[in-house]
Amino acid sequence: MGRILLPGSLLLAGLFTITGTATAQANQGNSSGTVPANIDPWERRDLREDRKEIRADTKDIRSDRRDIRGDAKDRRGDVREYREDKREGASQTELRADRREIKTDTHDIRGDRRDLRVDRRDRRGDVRDFHQDRRRARRN
């Protein structure tokens, strides 16, 4: 029969190669990246800290998005109530107070969205810097 006999060291080398590539492929889906093992320990520590900061920023951005969505939903409910009150003939002072509240809510939501855009832009820059630092560390 056609059996191929390999020495033990070659067999082990092939095994490690297969598992190594599988691990690398599993880590590829990570947007904030992985820290290479074959670089200076101080640079590894810095890259890990950068990655932690990026992940924390991501969590903050998600939380802010949820908050903004909730505020916008509440504002839409206030507008609906205002229109119903207006249709039913509520007093001008009540309607004026409701309009003022809706205006301030709108202003706050717009400000929050602007802040969110800035946070996202900063996070994108941090991710870009992280990947640049990682490439530079691999080259050195």
Foldseek 3Di string as FASTA:
>chain_A
DDDDDDDPVVVVVVVVVVVVVVVVVVQVVDLLGDADPPFDPVLSVVLVVLSVVLVVLVVVLVVLVVVLVVLVVVLVVLVVVLVVCVVVPHDPVVSVVSVVVSVVSVVVSVVSVVVSVVSVVVSVVSSVVSVVSRVVRVVD
